[in-house]
Amino acid sequence: MPELTVGELVDQLSALDRDATVRLAVNPFFPMAHRIAGVMPGRDENGRPLVFLADGDQLGHLPPDVAVELTWQEPTIAPTRGRRRAARPSGGDH
């Protein structure tokens, strides 16, 4: 997956609700949602500019539809339920 630039991130975010809360999706094997604690500029080992999103506190599990959209989980469909059989009378008479 190619790295996302600030410009690409701004473009994607500008298409969304400006009042929506931003969260960080973490760990595809145990998907969790985290607050973003801050945005910090930095540089990589070659001096190129980077932007870091600082991980805040963990909020709980990532919603399943988000994990599916990120391709971290397969979509699941609840099994269909067959008709339930009626219980027999307990007196032994049918």
Foldseek 3Di string as FASTA:
>chain_A
DDDDDPVNVCVVCVVDDPPDADWDWDDLVQTWTFHFPDKDWDAPPVRHIDIDGHTHDTDGHDPPVVSVVVVSDPDDDDDDDDDDDDDDDPPPDD
